[in-house]
N, C-alpha and C. Protein backbone atom coordinates (compact mmCIF):
# COMPACT_ATOMS: atom_id res chain seq x y z
N MET A 1 -46.78 13.15 -5.07
CA MET A 1 -45.89 12.11 -5.54
C MET A 1 -45.73 11.07 -4.44
N LEU A 2 -45.72 9.82 -4.82
CA LEU A 2 -45.45 8.72 -3.89
C LEU A 2 -43.97 8.39 -3.95
N ILE A 3 -43.29 8.50 -2.80
CA ILE A 3 -41.85 8.22 -2.73
C ILE A 3 -41.65 7.05 -1.78
N GLY A 4 -41.10 5.97 -2.29
CA GLY A 4 -40.88 4.77 -1.49
C GLY A 4 -39.51 4.74 -0.84
N TYR A 5 -39.45 4.07 0.30
CA TYR A 5 -38.18 3.87 1.01
C TYR A 5 -38.10 2.41 1.42
N ALA A 6 -37.03 1.73 0.97
CA ALA A 6 -36.81 0.32 1.31
C ALA A 6 -35.48 0.20 2.03
N ARG A 7 -35.44 -0.64 3.07
CA ARG A 7 -34.21 -0.81 3.83
C ARG A 7 -34.10 -2.22 4.37
N THR A 8 -32.89 -2.75 4.31
CA THR A 8 -32.57 -3.98 5.04
C THR A 8 -31.37 -3.67 5.92
N SER A 9 -31.19 -4.48 6.95
CA SER A 9 -30.12 -4.24 7.92
C SER A 9 -28.75 -4.67 7.43
N THR A 10 -28.73 -5.67 6.56
CA THR A 10 -27.44 -6.20 6.10
C THR A 10 -27.45 -6.38 4.60
N LEU A 11 -26.26 -6.49 4.03
CA LEU A 11 -26.11 -6.63 2.58
C LEU A 11 -26.62 -7.97 2.06
N ASP A 12 -26.67 -8.99 2.93
CA ASP A 12 -27.07 -10.32 2.44
C ASP A 12 -28.59 -10.53 2.47
N GLN A 13 -29.37 -9.52 2.78
CA GLN A 13 -30.82 -9.65 2.82
C GLN A 13 -31.43 -9.20 1.50
N THR A 14 -30.93 -9.74 0.39
CA THR A 14 -31.37 -9.29 -0.93
C THR A 14 -32.81 -9.65 -1.23
N ALA A 15 -33.26 -10.83 -0.80
CA ALA A 15 -34.64 -11.23 -1.08
C ALA A 15 -35.62 -10.28 -0.40
N GLY A 16 -35.34 -9.89 0.84
CA GLY A 16 -36.20 -8.96 1.55
C GLY A 16 -36.23 -7.59 0.90
N LEU A 17 -35.09 -7.16 0.39
CA LEU A 17 -35.00 -5.86 -0.27
C LEU A 17 -35.77 -5.89 -1.58
N GLU A 18 -35.60 -6.96 -2.34
CA GLU A 18 -36.32 -7.09 -3.61
C GLU A 18 -37.83 -7.12 -3.38
N ALA A 19 -38.27 -7.80 -2.33
CA ALA A 19 -39.70 -7.86 -2.02
C ALA A 19 -40.24 -6.47 -1.69
N GLN A 20 -39.48 -5.71 -0.91
CA GLN A 20 -39.89 -4.35 -0.57
C GLN A 20 -40.00 -3.49 -1.84
N GLN A 21 -39.00 -3.58 -2.70
CA GLN A 21 -39.01 -2.79 -3.93
C GLN A 21 -40.22 -3.17 -4.80
N ARG A 22 -40.50 -4.44 -4.88
CA ARG A 22 -41.65 -4.92 -5.67
C ARG A 22 -42.95 -4.36 -5.11
N ASP A 23 -43.10 -4.42 -3.77
CA ASP A 23 -44.33 -3.94 -3.13
C ASP A 23 -44.49 -2.43 -3.27
N LEU A 24 -43.39 -1.70 -3.19
CA LEU A 24 -43.44 -0.24 -3.34
C LEU A 24 -43.81 0.15 -4.76
N ALA A 25 -43.26 -0.58 -5.74
CA ALA A 25 -43.60 -0.32 -7.15
C ALA A 25 -45.08 -0.62 -7.39
N ALA A 26 -45.57 -1.73 -6.83
CA ALA A 26 -46.98 -2.10 -6.98
C ALA A 26 -47.91 -1.08 -6.33
N ALA A 27 -47.43 -0.39 -5.30
CA ALA A 27 -48.23 0.63 -4.62
C ALA A 27 -48.26 1.94 -5.40
N GLY A 28 -47.46 2.00 -6.49
CA GLY A 28 -47.48 3.19 -7.34
C GLY A 28 -46.40 4.21 -7.05
N CYS A 29 -45.37 3.83 -6.31
CA CYS A 29 -44.29 4.77 -6.01
C CYS A 29 -43.57 5.17 -7.29
N GLU A 30 -43.42 6.46 -7.47
CA GLU A 30 -42.73 6.99 -8.65
C GLU A 30 -41.22 6.93 -8.46
N LYS A 31 -40.78 7.07 -7.23
CA LYS A 31 -39.36 6.95 -6.89
C LYS A 31 -39.25 6.01 -5.70
N VAL A 32 -38.20 5.19 -5.69
CA VAL A 32 -37.94 4.30 -4.56
C VAL A 32 -36.45 4.42 -4.23
N LEU A 33 -36.17 4.84 -3.01
CA LEU A 33 -34.79 4.92 -2.56
C LEU A 33 -34.52 3.74 -1.66
N VAL A 34 -33.34 3.15 -1.81
CA VAL A 34 -33.00 1.89 -1.16
C VAL A 34 -31.69 2.02 -0.41
N GLU A 35 -31.63 1.40 0.77
CA GLU A 35 -30.34 1.30 1.46
C GLU A 35 -30.29 0.05 2.30
N GLN A 36 -29.06 -0.39 2.55
CA GLN A 36 -28.83 -1.58 3.34
C GLN A 36 -27.93 -1.19 4.50
N VAL A 37 -28.59 -0.79 5.58
CA VAL A 37 -27.88 -0.31 6.77
C VAL A 37 -28.76 -0.55 7.98
N SER A 38 -28.15 -0.84 9.11
CA SER A 38 -28.90 -1.06 10.34
C SER A 38 -29.64 0.19 10.75
N SER A 39 -30.82 0.04 11.33
CA SER A 39 -31.60 1.20 11.78
C SER A 39 -30.91 1.92 12.93
N VAL A 40 -29.98 1.23 13.59
CA VAL A 40 -29.26 1.86 14.69
C VAL A 40 -28.28 2.91 14.17
N ASP A 41 -27.75 2.70 12.96
CA ASP A 41 -26.78 3.63 12.37
C ASP A 41 -27.49 4.84 11.78
N VAL A 42 -28.07 5.67 12.66
CA VAL A 42 -28.87 6.80 12.21
C VAL A 42 -28.06 7.73 11.32
N GLY A 43 -26.83 8.01 11.69
CA GLY A 43 -26.01 8.91 10.90
C GLY A 43 -25.68 8.36 9.53
N GLU A 44 -25.83 7.05 9.35
CA GLU A 44 -25.47 6.41 8.10
C GLU A 44 -26.67 6.18 7.18
N ARG A 45 -27.85 6.57 7.57
CA ARG A 45 -29.05 6.33 6.75
C ARG A 45 -29.25 7.49 5.78
N LEU A 46 -28.36 7.55 4.81
CA LEU A 46 -28.33 8.66 3.86
C LEU A 46 -29.55 8.69 2.95
N GLU A 47 -30.03 7.53 2.53
CA GLU A 47 -31.19 7.49 1.64
C GLU A 47 -32.46 7.93 2.37
N LEU A 48 -32.58 7.61 3.64
CA LEU A 48 -33.72 8.09 4.42
C LEU A 48 -33.68 9.62 4.47
N ALA A 49 -32.51 10.17 4.70
CA ALA A 49 -32.36 11.63 4.72
C ALA A 49 -32.74 12.23 3.37
N ARG A 50 -32.37 11.54 2.29
CA ARG A 50 -32.72 12.03 0.94
C ARG A 50 -34.23 12.01 0.72
N VAL A 51 -34.89 10.94 1.16
CA VAL A 51 -36.35 10.87 1.01
C VAL A 51 -36.99 12.02 1.77
N LEU A 52 -36.59 12.22 3.00
CA LEU A 52 -37.17 13.29 3.82
C LEU A 52 -36.93 14.65 3.18
N ASP A 53 -35.76 14.83 2.58
CA ASP A 53 -35.44 16.09 1.93
C ASP A 53 -36.28 16.31 0.67
N MET A 54 -36.59 15.22 -0.04
CA MET A 54 -37.37 15.28 -1.29
C MET A 54 -38.83 15.64 -1.08
N LEU A 55 -39.36 15.29 0.08
CA LEU A 55 -40.80 15.45 0.32
C LEU A 55 -41.25 16.89 0.17
N ARG A 56 -42.38 17.05 -0.51
CA ARG A 56 -43.02 18.35 -0.69
C ARG A 56 -44.48 18.22 -0.25
N ALA A 57 -45.16 19.35 -0.11
CA ALA A 57 -46.57 19.34 0.30
C ALA A 57 -47.38 18.44 -0.62
N GLY A 58 -48.16 17.56 -0.01
CA GLY A 58 -49.01 16.65 -0.77
C GLY A 58 -48.36 15.32 -1.09
N ASP A 59 -47.04 15.20 -0.92
CA ASP A 59 -46.34 13.94 -1.20
C ASP A 59 -46.66 12.90 -0.12
N VAL A 60 -46.43 11.65 -0.47
CA VAL A 60 -46.62 10.56 0.48
C VAL A 60 -45.35 9.72 0.49
N MET A 61 -44.77 9.56 1.69
CA MET A 61 -43.64 8.65 1.86
C MET A 61 -44.22 7.28 2.14
N VAL A 62 -43.76 6.27 1.40
CA VAL A 62 -44.33 4.92 1.52
C VAL A 62 -43.24 3.94 1.96
N VAL A 63 -43.55 3.14 2.98
CA VAL A 63 -42.69 2.04 3.42
C VAL A 63 -43.54 0.78 3.49
N THR A 64 -42.90 -0.36 3.40
CA THR A 64 -43.66 -1.61 3.46
C THR A 64 -44.05 -1.96 4.88
N LYS A 65 -43.11 -1.76 5.82
CA LYS A 65 -43.36 -2.09 7.22
C LYS A 65 -42.78 -1.00 8.10
N LEU A 66 -43.34 -0.84 9.28
CA LEU A 66 -42.89 0.18 10.22
C LEU A 66 -41.44 -0.03 10.64
N ASP A 67 -41.02 -1.28 10.82
CA ASP A 67 -39.65 -1.54 11.29
C ASP A 67 -38.60 -1.23 10.23
N ARG A 68 -39.00 -1.02 8.99
CA ARG A 68 -38.06 -0.62 7.94
C ARG A 68 -37.74 0.87 8.03
N LEU A 69 -38.54 1.60 8.82
CA LEU A 69 -38.39 3.04 8.92
C LEU A 69 -37.81 3.49 10.25
N ALA A 70 -38.46 3.14 11.35
CA ALA A 70 -38.09 3.70 12.65
C ALA A 70 -37.60 2.61 13.60
N ARG A 71 -36.69 3.00 14.50
CA ARG A 71 -36.13 2.05 15.46
C ARG A 71 -36.82 2.12 16.81
N SER A 72 -37.62 3.17 17.04
CA SER A 72 -38.32 3.32 18.31
C SER A 72 -39.50 4.25 18.10
N MET A 73 -40.36 4.32 19.10
CA MET A 73 -41.51 5.22 19.01
C MET A 73 -41.03 6.67 18.97
N ALA A 74 -40.02 6.99 19.75
CA ALA A 74 -39.49 8.36 19.76
C ALA A 74 -38.93 8.73 18.37
N HIS A 75 -38.20 7.79 17.76
CA HIS A 75 -37.65 8.03 16.43
C HIS A 75 -38.78 8.20 15.41
N LEU A 76 -39.81 7.38 15.52
CA LEU A 76 -40.96 7.49 14.62
C LEU A 76 -41.61 8.87 14.75
N MET A 77 -41.78 9.32 15.98
CA MET A 77 -42.40 10.64 16.20
C MET A 77 -41.54 11.76 15.62
N ASP A 78 -40.22 11.63 15.73
CA ASP A 78 -39.31 12.61 15.13
C ASP A 78 -39.48 12.64 13.61
N LEU A 79 -39.55 11.45 13.01
CA LEU A 79 -39.72 11.37 11.56
C LEU A 79 -41.07 11.95 11.13
N LEU A 80 -42.11 11.63 11.89
CA LEU A 80 -43.44 12.15 11.56
C LEU A 80 -43.48 13.67 11.65
N LYS A 81 -42.76 14.22 12.61
CA LYS A 81 -42.70 15.68 12.74
C LYS A 81 -42.10 16.30 11.48
N ILE A 82 -41.05 15.68 10.96
CA ILE A 82 -40.40 16.17 9.73
C ILE A 82 -41.36 16.03 8.55
N ILE A 83 -41.98 14.84 8.44
CA ILE A 83 -42.90 14.58 7.32
C ILE A 83 -44.08 15.55 7.37
N ASP A 84 -44.68 15.71 8.55
CA ASP A 84 -45.81 16.63 8.71
C ASP A 84 -45.39 18.07 8.42
N GLY A 85 -44.19 18.44 8.86
CA GLY A 85 -43.70 19.79 8.65
C GLY A 85 -43.57 20.15 7.18
N LYS A 86 -43.43 19.15 6.35
CA LYS A 86 -43.31 19.37 4.91
C LYS A 86 -44.67 19.30 4.23
N GLY A 87 -45.73 19.04 5.02
CA GLY A 87 -47.06 18.93 4.44
C GLY A 87 -47.29 17.60 3.74
N ALA A 88 -46.48 16.62 4.07
CA ALA A 88 -46.57 15.29 3.46
C ALA A 88 -47.18 14.31 4.47
N SER A 89 -47.35 13.06 4.04
CA SER A 89 -47.87 12.04 4.96
C SER A 89 -47.07 10.75 4.77
N LEU A 90 -47.31 9.79 5.65
CA LEU A 90 -46.62 8.51 5.65
C LEU A 90 -47.63 7.40 5.44
N ARG A 91 -47.31 6.46 4.56
CA ARG A 91 -48.15 5.29 4.32
C ARG A 91 -47.33 4.04 4.61
N ILE A 92 -47.91 3.15 5.42
CA ILE A 92 -47.24 1.89 5.76
C ILE A 92 -48.10 0.77 5.16
N LEU A 93 -47.59 0.12 4.14
CA LEU A 93 -48.36 -0.85 3.37
C LEU A 93 -48.85 -2.04 4.19
N ALA A 94 -47.97 -2.65 4.98
CA ALA A 94 -48.33 -3.85 5.72
C ALA A 94 -49.46 -3.60 6.72
N MET A 95 -49.61 -2.36 7.15
CA MET A 95 -50.64 -2.01 8.13
C MET A 95 -51.86 -1.36 7.47
N ASN A 96 -51.76 -1.14 6.16
CA ASN A 96 -52.80 -0.43 5.44
C ASN A 96 -53.13 0.88 6.17
N LEU A 97 -52.08 1.62 6.48
CA LEU A 97 -52.20 2.79 7.33
C LEU A 97 -51.64 4.02 6.62
N ASP A 98 -52.36 5.14 6.72
CA ASP A 98 -51.94 6.39 6.10
C ASP A 98 -52.11 7.52 7.11
N THR A 99 -51.01 8.20 7.44
CA THR A 99 -51.08 9.27 8.43
C THR A 99 -51.74 10.53 7.88
N GLY A 100 -52.16 10.48 6.62
CA GLY A 100 -52.90 11.60 6.04
C GLY A 100 -54.32 11.68 6.56
N THR A 101 -54.73 10.65 7.34
CA THR A 101 -56.08 10.64 7.92
C THR A 101 -55.98 10.62 9.45
N PRO A 102 -56.97 11.19 10.14
CA PRO A 102 -56.94 11.16 11.61
C PRO A 102 -56.91 9.73 12.16
N THR A 103 -57.66 8.83 11.54
CA THR A 103 -57.69 7.44 12.00
C THR A 103 -56.32 6.79 11.79
N GLY A 104 -55.70 7.08 10.67
CA GLY A 104 -54.37 6.53 10.40
C GLY A 104 -53.35 6.99 11.42
N ARG A 105 -53.42 8.27 11.78
CA ARG A 105 -52.48 8.80 12.78
C ARG A 105 -52.72 8.14 14.14
N LEU A 106 -53.97 7.99 14.54
CA LEU A 106 -54.31 7.34 15.81
C LEU A 106 -53.79 5.91 15.83
N MET A 107 -54.06 5.16 14.77
CA MET A 107 -53.64 3.76 14.70
C MET A 107 -52.12 3.64 14.73
N LEU A 108 -51.42 4.54 14.04
CA LEU A 108 -49.97 4.49 14.04
C LEU A 108 -49.41 4.70 15.44
N ASN A 109 -49.97 5.65 16.17
CA ASN A 109 -49.51 5.89 17.54
C ASN A 109 -49.76 4.67 18.42
N MET A 110 -50.92 4.07 18.29
CA MET A 110 -51.24 2.89 19.11
C MET A 110 -50.36 1.71 18.74
N LEU A 111 -50.24 1.41 17.44
CA LEU A 111 -49.45 0.27 17.01
C LEU A 111 -47.96 0.48 17.28
N GLY A 112 -47.49 1.71 17.11
CA GLY A 112 -46.09 2.01 17.40
C GLY A 112 -45.77 1.80 18.86
N SER A 113 -46.68 2.19 19.73
CA SER A 113 -46.48 1.99 21.16
C SER A 113 -46.45 0.51 21.52
N VAL A 114 -47.34 -0.27 20.92
CA VAL A 114 -47.38 -1.72 21.16
C VAL A 114 -46.08 -2.36 20.66
N ALA A 115 -45.62 -1.95 19.47
CA ALA A 115 -44.38 -2.50 18.91
C ALA A 115 -43.19 -2.19 19.81
N GLN A 116 -43.13 -0.97 20.33
CA GLN A 116 -42.03 -0.60 21.21
C GLN A 116 -42.09 -1.40 22.50
N PHE A 117 -43.29 -1.59 23.04
CA PHE A 117 -43.47 -2.40 24.25
C PHE A 117 -42.97 -3.82 24.01
N GLU A 118 -43.35 -4.43 22.87
CA GLU A 118 -42.91 -5.79 22.56
C GLU A 118 -41.38 -5.86 22.45
N ARG A 119 -40.77 -4.87 21.83
CA ARG A 119 -39.32 -4.86 21.69
C ARG A 119 -38.64 -4.77 23.05
N GLU A 120 -39.17 -3.90 23.93
CA GLU A 120 -38.57 -3.76 25.26
C GLU A 120 -38.70 -5.05 26.07
N ILE A 121 -39.82 -5.73 25.95
CA ILE A 121 -40.02 -7.02 26.63
C ILE A 121 -39.02 -8.04 26.09
N MET A 122 -38.85 -8.08 24.76
CA MET A 122 -37.92 -9.02 24.15
C MET A 122 -36.49 -8.75 24.62
N LEU A 123 -36.10 -7.46 24.68
CA LEU A 123 -34.76 -7.13 25.15
C LEU A 123 -34.56 -7.49 26.62
N GLU A 124 -35.61 -7.32 27.41
CA GLU A 124 -35.54 -7.69 28.82
C GLU A 124 -35.33 -9.19 28.96
N ARG A 125 -36.07 -9.97 28.19
CA ARG A 125 -35.91 -11.44 28.23
C ARG A 125 -34.52 -11.84 27.76
N GLN A 126 -34.02 -11.13 26.74
CA GLN A 126 -32.68 -11.43 26.24
C GLN A 126 -31.63 -11.16 27.32
N ARG A 127 -31.75 -10.03 28.00
CA ARG A 127 -30.80 -9.71 29.09
C ARG A 127 -30.87 -10.76 30.19
N GLU A 128 -32.09 -11.19 30.53
CA GLU A 128 -32.25 -12.22 31.57
C GLU A 128 -31.59 -13.53 31.13
N GLY A 129 -31.79 -13.90 29.86
CA GLY A 129 -31.18 -15.13 29.34
C GLY A 129 -29.67 -15.07 29.34
N ILE A 130 -29.12 -13.92 28.97
CA ILE A 130 -27.67 -13.75 28.97
C ILE A 130 -27.12 -13.84 30.39
N ALA A 131 -27.80 -13.18 31.35
CA ALA A 131 -27.35 -13.23 32.74
C ALA A 131 -27.37 -14.68 33.25
N LYS A 132 -28.42 -15.41 32.90
CA LYS A 132 -28.54 -16.81 33.33
C LYS A 132 -27.42 -17.65 32.70
N ALA A 133 -27.16 -17.44 31.42
CA ALA A 133 -26.10 -18.19 30.73
C ALA A 133 -24.73 -17.85 31.30
N LYS A 134 -24.50 -16.57 31.62
CA LYS A 134 -23.22 -16.16 32.22
C LYS A 134 -23.03 -16.85 33.58
N ALA A 135 -24.10 -16.87 34.37
CA ALA A 135 -24.03 -17.49 35.69
C ALA A 135 -23.71 -18.98 35.58
N ALA A 136 -24.19 -19.60 34.51
CA ALA A 136 -23.94 -21.03 34.29
C ALA A 136 -22.61 -21.26 33.55
N GLY A 137 -21.91 -20.18 33.21
CA GLY A 137 -20.63 -20.30 32.53
C GLY A 137 -20.75 -20.68 31.06
N LYS A 138 -21.93 -20.45 30.47
CA LYS A 138 -22.16 -20.86 29.08
C LYS A 138 -22.10 -19.69 28.11
N TYR A 139 -22.07 -18.48 28.60
CA TYR A 139 -22.10 -17.31 27.71
C TYR A 139 -20.70 -16.73 27.57
N LYS A 140 -20.23 -16.66 26.37
CA LYS A 140 -18.90 -16.15 26.11
C LYS A 140 -18.93 -14.79 25.43
N GLY A 141 -20.09 -14.36 24.96
CA GLY A 141 -20.18 -13.11 24.21
C GLY A 141 -19.84 -13.36 22.75
N ARG A 142 -19.94 -12.31 21.95
CA ARG A 142 -19.65 -12.52 20.53
C ARG A 142 -18.15 -12.40 20.29
N ALA A 143 -17.70 -13.05 19.25
CA ALA A 143 -16.27 -13.04 18.89
C ALA A 143 -15.86 -11.64 18.45
N PRO A 144 -14.69 -11.18 18.87
CA PRO A 144 -14.23 -9.84 18.49
C PRO A 144 -13.74 -9.83 17.04
N THR A 145 -14.66 -9.62 16.09
CA THR A 145 -14.32 -9.71 14.67
C THR A 145 -13.36 -8.63 14.22
N ALA A 146 -13.55 -7.41 14.68
CA ALA A 146 -12.70 -6.31 14.24
C ALA A 146 -11.27 -6.48 14.75
N LYS A 147 -11.12 -6.86 16.00
CA LYS A 147 -9.78 -7.01 16.60
C LYS A 147 -8.98 -8.08 15.85
N ALA A 148 -9.66 -9.10 15.34
CA ALA A 148 -8.98 -10.15 14.59
C ALA A 148 -8.41 -9.63 13.27
N LYS A 149 -8.88 -8.48 12.83
CA LYS A 149 -8.43 -7.90 11.57
C LYS A 149 -7.47 -6.73 11.78
N GLN A 150 -6.90 -6.64 12.97
CA GLN A 150 -6.04 -5.51 13.34
C GLN A 150 -4.85 -5.36 12.38
N ALA A 151 -4.20 -6.44 12.04
CA ALA A 151 -3.03 -6.35 11.15
C ALA A 151 -3.43 -5.82 9.78
N GLN A 152 -4.58 -6.27 9.26
CA GLN A 152 -5.05 -5.80 7.96
C GLN A 152 -5.38 -4.31 8.01
N VAL A 153 -6.03 -3.88 9.10
CA VAL A 153 -6.40 -2.47 9.26
C VAL A 153 -5.14 -1.62 9.28
N THR A 154 -4.16 -2.01 10.07
CA THR A 154 -2.91 -1.26 10.20
C THR A 154 -2.20 -1.16 8.85
N LYS A 155 -2.13 -2.28 8.13
CA LYS A 155 -1.46 -2.31 6.82
C LYS A 155 -2.17 -1.40 5.83
N MET A 156 -3.50 -1.50 5.74
CA MET A 156 -4.25 -0.70 4.78
C MET A 156 -4.15 0.79 5.10
N SER A 157 -4.14 1.13 6.38
CA SER A 157 -4.01 2.52 6.79
C SER A 157 -2.63 3.07 6.39
N ALA A 158 -1.62 2.25 6.60
CA ALA A 158 -0.26 2.66 6.24
C ALA A 158 -0.13 2.87 4.73
N GLU A 159 -0.95 2.16 3.96
CA GLU A 159 -0.95 2.30 2.49
C GLU A 159 -1.75 3.52 2.04
N GLY A 160 -2.39 4.21 3.01
CA GLY A 160 -3.13 5.42 2.68
C GLY A 160 -4.61 5.21 2.39
N THR A 161 -5.14 4.03 2.69
CA THR A 161 -6.55 3.75 2.47
C THR A 161 -7.37 4.49 3.53
N SER A 162 -8.49 5.07 3.12
CA SER A 162 -9.34 5.85 4.05
C SER A 162 -10.02 4.92 5.05
N LEU A 163 -10.45 5.50 6.19
CA LEU A 163 -11.14 4.71 7.22
C LEU A 163 -12.39 4.05 6.65
N SER A 164 -13.17 4.81 5.90
CA SER A 164 -14.42 4.28 5.33
C SER A 164 -14.15 3.11 4.40
N GLU A 165 -13.11 3.25 3.57
CA GLU A 165 -12.78 2.19 2.62
C GLU A 165 -12.26 0.95 3.34
N ILE A 166 -11.47 1.13 4.38
CA ILE A 166 -10.97 -0.01 5.17
C ILE A 166 -12.16 -0.76 5.77
N ALA A 167 -13.08 0.00 6.37
CA ALA A 167 -14.26 -0.61 6.99
C ALA A 167 -15.08 -1.38 5.96
N ARG A 168 -15.28 -0.78 4.79
CA ARG A 168 -16.08 -1.43 3.75
C ARG A 168 -15.42 -2.72 3.27
N ARG A 169 -14.13 -2.65 2.98
CA ARG A 169 -13.42 -3.82 2.46
C ARG A 169 -13.36 -4.96 3.46
N LEU A 170 -13.18 -4.64 4.73
CA LEU A 170 -13.03 -5.69 5.75
C LEU A 170 -14.35 -6.10 6.40
N GLY A 171 -15.41 -5.37 6.09
CA GLY A 171 -16.72 -5.73 6.65
C GLY A 171 -16.84 -5.45 8.14
N ILE A 172 -16.18 -4.37 8.58
CA ILE A 172 -16.27 -3.98 9.99
C ILE A 172 -16.71 -2.52 10.06
N GLY A 173 -17.06 -2.06 11.23
CA GLY A 173 -17.51 -0.69 11.40
C GLY A 173 -16.38 0.31 11.33
N LYS A 174 -16.72 1.51 10.88
CA LYS A 174 -15.74 2.59 10.80
C LYS A 174 -15.19 2.93 12.19
N ALA A 175 -16.06 2.86 13.21
CA ALA A 175 -15.62 3.12 14.58
C ALA A 175 -14.59 2.08 15.02
N SER A 176 -14.76 0.84 14.60
CA SER A 176 -13.79 -0.22 14.94
C SER A 176 -12.44 0.07 14.30
N VAL A 177 -12.46 0.53 13.06
CA VAL A 177 -11.21 0.88 12.37
C VAL A 177 -10.51 2.00 13.14
N HIS A 178 -11.27 3.01 13.49
CA HIS A 178 -10.73 4.16 14.23
C HIS A 178 -10.13 3.70 15.58
N ARG A 179 -10.84 2.82 16.28
CA ARG A 179 -10.40 2.33 17.59
C ARG A 179 -9.09 1.54 17.45
N ILE A 180 -8.99 0.70 16.41
CA ILE A 180 -7.77 -0.09 16.19
C ILE A 180 -6.59 0.84 15.91
N LEU A 181 -6.81 1.83 15.05
CA LEU A 181 -5.71 2.76 14.69
C LEU A 181 -5.31 3.61 15.89
N LYS A 182 -6.27 3.99 16.71
CA LYS A 182 -5.98 4.78 17.91
C LYS A 182 -5.14 3.94 18.88
N ALA A 183 -5.50 2.67 19.03
CA ALA A 183 -4.75 1.77 19.91
C ALA A 183 -3.33 1.57 19.37
N ASP A 184 -3.20 1.46 18.04
CA ASP A 184 -1.88 1.33 17.42
C ASP A 184 -1.00 2.55 17.73
N ARG A 185 -1.60 3.73 17.64
CA ARG A 185 -0.84 4.98 17.89
C ARG A 185 -0.41 5.07 19.35
N SER A 186 -1.27 4.63 20.27
CA SER A 186 -0.92 4.73 21.69
C SER A 186 0.14 3.71 22.09
N GLU A 187 0.24 2.60 21.34
CA GLU A 187 1.26 1.58 21.62
C GLU A 187 2.62 2.02 21.08
N SER A 188 2.62 2.91 20.11
CA SER A 188 3.88 3.34 19.46
C SER A 188 4.68 4.25 20.33
């Protein structure tokens, strides 16, 4: 069975998500699981966990691009270990790559390493740019969005709203909600 996985980092990336779903359907995926969550939020990628759980011997997990699946080479290798352990394989459409073949596995390792190298170089340049901007007094950092919603968080919590629901309604992270409530308790 071909099982597709589509992901975007934010809720407003609907066109990208629709394109992934279209490409996965065109590739013949019988099931496509979708989520809109950052790749950094590993604990929150519930649909990815469902796809991995669904895989059986002979199945193929299909993604449109490598960056829709893994956040690093180490993470990719962890996922491949799970996929291989189930007797399944991974197909990446944009690369025309299938880990069910020795050549596909070799190419994935090489391309994954190059992608990780490029990301590390980009992050290094970003850090250098930020340091330069700070030295010039031009870098202020990002605005504290969650802290600006402290009164709303406190009110909703007092009304009995769950942390997850507060985070969802206000568009902030669950950890931010927890941090605000913890700070409120320590001030009391």
